[in-house]
Amino acid sequence: MAEPAKGLAQQAEDSLEQVAEAVRKRFDELTEGRFSDQIKEGRFADSGDSGTDQGHPANQHQRR
């Protein structure tokens, strides 16, 4: 690859890395605390959730 093309490719890579870092930072700012707070508050925990499929009792599974 010619030197000017290598320089252009490096600039593009650097720019994309800066964009990716900005997106990561903004995502972290937007989600900071929200998701973890919901988990801590029990939003995703069902009352009576024992880790098994409530629609199918464990003792009724059959192999075919």
C-alpha atoms as a PDB file:
ATOM      1  CA  MET A   1       0.000   0.000   0.000  1.00  0.00           C
ATOM      2  CA  ALA A   2       1.344   3.428  -0.857  1.00  0.00           C
ATOM      3  CA  GLU A   3       2.368   5.730   1.974  1.00  0.00           C
ATOM      4  CA  PRO A   4      -0.476   8.256   1.421  1.00  0.00           C
ATOM      5  CA  ALA A   5      -3.014   5.432   1.509  1.00  0.00           C
ATOM      6  CA  LYS A   6      -1.486   4.065   4.717  1.00  0.00           C
ATOM      7  CA  GLY A   7      -1.740   7.508   6.311  1.00  0.00           C
ATOM      8  CA  LEU A   8      -5.350   7.870   5.234  1.00  0.00           C
ATOM      9  CA  ALA A   9      -6.180   4.407   6.543  1.00  0.00           C
ATOM     10  CA  GLN A  10      -4.548   5.242   9.882  1.00  0.00           C
ATOM     11  CA  GLN A  11      -6.510   8.483  10.129  1.00  0.00           C
ATOM     12  CA  ALA A  12      -9.754   6.638   9.389  1.00  0.00           C
ATOM     13  CA  GLU A  13      -8.944   3.996  12.010  1.00  0.00           C
ATOM     14  CA  ASP A  14      -8.129   6.665  14.595  1.00  0.00           C
ATOM     15  CA  SER A  15     -11.365   8.515  13.825  1.00  0.00           C
ATOM     16  CA  LEU A  16     -13.431   5.345  14.131  1.00  0.00           C
ATOM     17  CA  GLU A  17     -11.767   4.505  17.431  1.00  0.00           C
ATOM     18  CA  GLN A  18     -12.614   7.973  18.752  1.00  0.00           C
ATOM     19  CA  VAL A  19     -16.229   7.556  17.651  1.00  0.00           C
ATOM     20  CA  ALA A  20     -16.409   4.118  19.279  1.00  0.00           C
ATOM     21  CA  GLU A  21     -14.999   5.485  22.529  1.00  0.00           C
ATOM     22  CA  ALA A  22     -17.475   8.376  22.500  1.00  0.00           C
ATOM     23  CA  VAL A  23     -20.359   5.950  21.932  1.00  0.00           C
ATOM     24  CA  ARG A  24     -19.154   3.703  24.779  1.00  0.00           C
ATOM     25  CA  LYS A  25     -18.862   6.694  27.101  1.00  0.00           C
ATOM     26  CA  ARG A  26     -22.309   8.021  26.202  1.00  0.00           C
ATOM     27  CA  PHE A  27     -23.877   4.563  26.581  1.00  0.00           C
ATOM     28  CA  ASP A  28     -22.299   4.220  30.028  1.00  0.00           C
ATOM     29  CA  GLU A  29     -23.617   7.661  31.007  1.00  0.00           C
ATOM     30  CA  LEU A  30     -27.123   6.814  29.854  1.00  0.00           C
ATOM     31  CA  THR A  31     -27.300   3.397  31.460  1.00  0.00           C
ATOM     32  CA  GLU A  32     -25.268   4.068  34.590  1.00  0.00           C
ATOM     33  CA  GLY A  33     -27.271   3.036  37.562  1.00  0.00           C
ATOM     34  CA  ARG A  34     -30.496   2.425  35.710  1.00  0.00           C
ATOM     35  CA  PHE A  35     -30.107  -1.239  34.865  1.00  0.00           C
ATOM     36  CA  SER A  36     -28.252  -2.174  38.033  1.00  0.00           C
ATOM     37  CA  ASP A  37     -30.766  -0.251  40.146  1.00  0.00           C
ATOM     38  CA  GLN A  38     -33.618  -2.168  38.538  1.00  0.00           C
ATOM     39  CA  ILE A  39     -31.900  -5.454  39.298  1.00  0.00           C
ATOM     40  CA  LYS A  40     -31.231  -4.440  42.906  1.00  0.00           C
ATOM     41  CA  GLU A  41     -34.851  -3.339  43.322  1.00  0.00           C
ATOM     42  CA  GLY A  42     -35.978  -6.762  42.134  1.00  0.00           C
ATOM     43  CA  ARG A  43     -37.632  -5.596  38.943  1.00  0.00           C
ATOM     44  CA  PHE A  44     -36.599  -8.727  37.079  1.00  0.00           C
ATOM     45  CA  ALA A  45     -37.268 -11.153  39.918  1.00  0.00           C
ATOM     46  CA  ASP A  46     -40.625 -12.885  39.824  1.00  0.00           C
ATOM     47  CA  SER A  47     -42.179 -13.678  43.153  1.00  0.00           C
ATOM     48  CA  GLY A  48     -41.935 -17.417  43.426  1.00  0.00           C
ATOM     49  CA  ASP A  49     -39.333 -17.751  40.682  1.00  0.00           C
ATOM     50  CA  SER A  50     -37.352 -20.809  41.642  1.00  0.00           C
ATOM     51  CA  GLY A  51     -35.388 -21.079  38.425  1.00  0.00           C
ATOM     52  CA  THR A  52     -37.627 -23.729  36.910  1.00  0.00           C
ATOM     53  CA  ASP A  53     -40.136 -23.332  34.137  1.00  0.00           C
ATOM     54  CA  GLN A  54     -43.382 -22.614  35.947  1.00  0.00           C
ATOM     55  CA  GLY A  55     -45.442 -23.892  33.023  1.00  0.00           C
ATOM     56  CA  HIS A  56     -43.940 -27.366  33.170  1.00  0.00           C
ATOM     57  CA  PRO A  57     -43.518 -29.111  36.523  1.00  0.00           C
ATOM     58  CA  ALA A  58     -40.090 -30.710  36.781  1.00  0.00           C
ATOM     59  CA  ASN A  59     -41.465 -34.150  37.568  1.00  0.00           C
ATOM     60  CA  GLN A  60     -43.531 -34.340  34.368  1.00  0.00           C
ATOM     61  CA  HIS A  61     -40.709 -34.081  31.822  1.00  0.00           C
ATOM     62  CA  GLN A  62     -40.545 -37.166  29.632  1.00  0.00           C
ATOM     63  CA  ARG A  63     -37.914 -38.363  27.197  1.00  0.00           C
ATOM     64  CA  ARG A  64     -39.043 -39.543  23.800  1.00  0.00           C
END
